[in-house]
Amino acid sequence: MITAIVNVTCDARRIPEVAQALAELDGVTEVYSVTGDIDLVVMVRVQQHDRLADVIAGGISRVEGVASTTTNIAFRAYSRHDLESAFALGFD
């Protein structure tokens, strides 16, 4: 599982609508509204690296109201929860 953390800046008046549209994209697992220099944090989880371009450049960046994005790719997860098995259901 490949995880990307995408920081999104958007039109502040449209945060709820943008967040909902992002949450509906295939590959997006969570969307958080946050304080600070960005408006939304989007968690993207995909099986193949090539899918990141589809989800981020082809999906997130094209949602109306999204002004800019920055993406961080996770190397390792350090958690008490086994996220890999939680998102691997039904995948080979």
Protein backbone atom coordinates (compact mmCIF):
# COMPACT_ATOMS: atom_id res chain seq x y z
CA MET A 1 0.00 0.00 0.00
CA ILE A 2 1.35 3.43 -0.98
CA THR A 3 0.27 6.35 1.19
CA ALA A 4 0.43 10.00 0.16
CA ILE A 5 -0.41 12.95 2.39
CA VAL A 6 -1.68 15.81 0.25
CA ASN A 7 -1.90 19.33 1.72
CA VAL A 8 -4.56 21.35 -0.06
CA THR A 9 -5.10 25.09 -0.14
CA CYS A 10 -8.53 26.09 -1.42
CA ASP A 11 -11.07 28.87 -1.49
CA ALA A 12 -11.87 29.26 2.23
CA ARG A 13 -15.54 29.92 1.46
CA ARG A 14 -15.79 26.53 -0.24
CA ILE A 15 -13.92 24.26 2.20
CA PRO A 16 -16.92 22.00 3.01
CA GLU A 17 -17.82 21.50 -0.67
CA VAL A 18 -14.21 20.93 -1.72
CA ALA A 19 -13.65 18.50 1.15
CA GLN A 20 -16.74 16.50 0.20
CA ALA A 21 -15.73 16.36 -3.46
CA LEU A 22 -12.25 15.19 -2.50
CA ALA A 23 -13.61 12.54 -0.13
CA GLU A 24 -15.59 11.02 -3.01
CA LEU A 25 -12.51 10.45 -5.20
CA ASP A 26 -11.34 6.88 -5.67
CA GLY A 27 -8.11 6.42 -3.71
CA VAL A 28 -8.88 9.12 -1.14
CA THR A 29 -9.42 7.53 2.26
CA GLU A 30 -9.73 10.56 4.52
CA VAL A 31 -10.05 14.34 4.28
CA TYR A 32 -9.37 16.57 7.29
CA SER A 33 -10.02 20.29 7.62
CA VAL A 34 -7.13 21.74 9.61
CA THR A 35 -5.77 24.96 11.05
CA GLY A 36 -2.61 26.64 9.80
CA ASP A 37 -1.25 27.51 6.38
CA ILE A 38 -3.30 24.88 4.56
CA ASP A 39 -7.02 24.18 4.51
CA LEU A 40 -7.30 20.41 4.04
CA VAL A 41 -5.16 17.32 4.54
CA VAL A 42 -6.06 14.49 2.20
CA MET A 43 -4.92 10.91 2.77
CA VAL A 44 -4.46 8.93 -0.43
CA ARG A 45 -3.87 5.18 -0.36
CA VAL A 46 -3.30 3.21 -3.55
CA GLN A 47 -1.87 -0.18 -4.48
CA GLN A 48 0.41 1.02 -7.30
CA HIS A 49 2.64 4.05 -7.60
CA ASP A 50 1.21 4.94 -11.03
CA ARG A 51 -2.22 5.45 -9.46
CA LEU A 52 -0.91 8.44 -7.48
CA ALA A 53 -0.86 10.59 -10.61
CA ASP A 54 -4.44 9.60 -11.41
CA VAL A 55 -5.68 10.47 -7.93
CA ILE A 56 -3.60 13.59 -7.23
CA ALA A 57 -2.96 15.30 -10.57
CA GLY A 58 -5.98 13.82 -12.32
CA GLY A 59 -8.41 14.10 -9.42
CA ILE A 60 -7.53 16.28 -6.43
CA SER A 61 -5.92 19.10 -8.43
CA ARG A 62 -8.92 19.29 -10.77
CA VAL A 63 -11.58 19.73 -8.10
CA GLU A 64 -13.13 23.17 -8.44
CA GLY A 65 -11.96 25.38 -5.59
CA VAL A 66 -8.56 23.72 -5.13
CA ALA A 67 -5.90 26.42 -5.45
CA SER A 68 -2.73 24.41 -4.77
CA THR A 69 -1.44 21.12 -3.42
CA THR A 70 1.76 19.75 -1.93
CA THR A 71 2.29 16.03 -1.64
CA ASN A 72 4.35 13.93 0.75
CA ILE A 73 4.85 10.22 0.11
CA ALA A 74 5.07 8.08 3.24
CA PHE A 75 8.06 5.73 3.56
CA ARG A 76 6.95 3.90 6.71
CA ALA A 77 4.00 3.96 9.07
CA TYR A 78 4.66 4.02 12.80
CA SER A 79 1.37 3.23 14.46
CA ARG A 80 -0.26 0.92 16.94
CA HIS A 81 -2.90 0.22 14.30
CA ASP A 82 -2.25 -2.12 11.42
CA LEU A 83 -3.37 0.19 8.63
CA GLU A 84 -2.00 -2.08 5.92
CA SER A 85 -4.33 -4.93 6.80
CA ALA A 86 -7.29 -2.59 7.28
CA PHE A 87 -6.99 -1.32 3.70
CA ALA A 88 -5.89 -4.58 2.10
CA LEU A 89 -9.26 -6.31 2.36
CA GLY A 90 -10.18 -7.75 -1.00
CA PHE A 91 -6.85 -6.90 -2.66
CA ASP A 92 -4.32 -9.45 -3.84
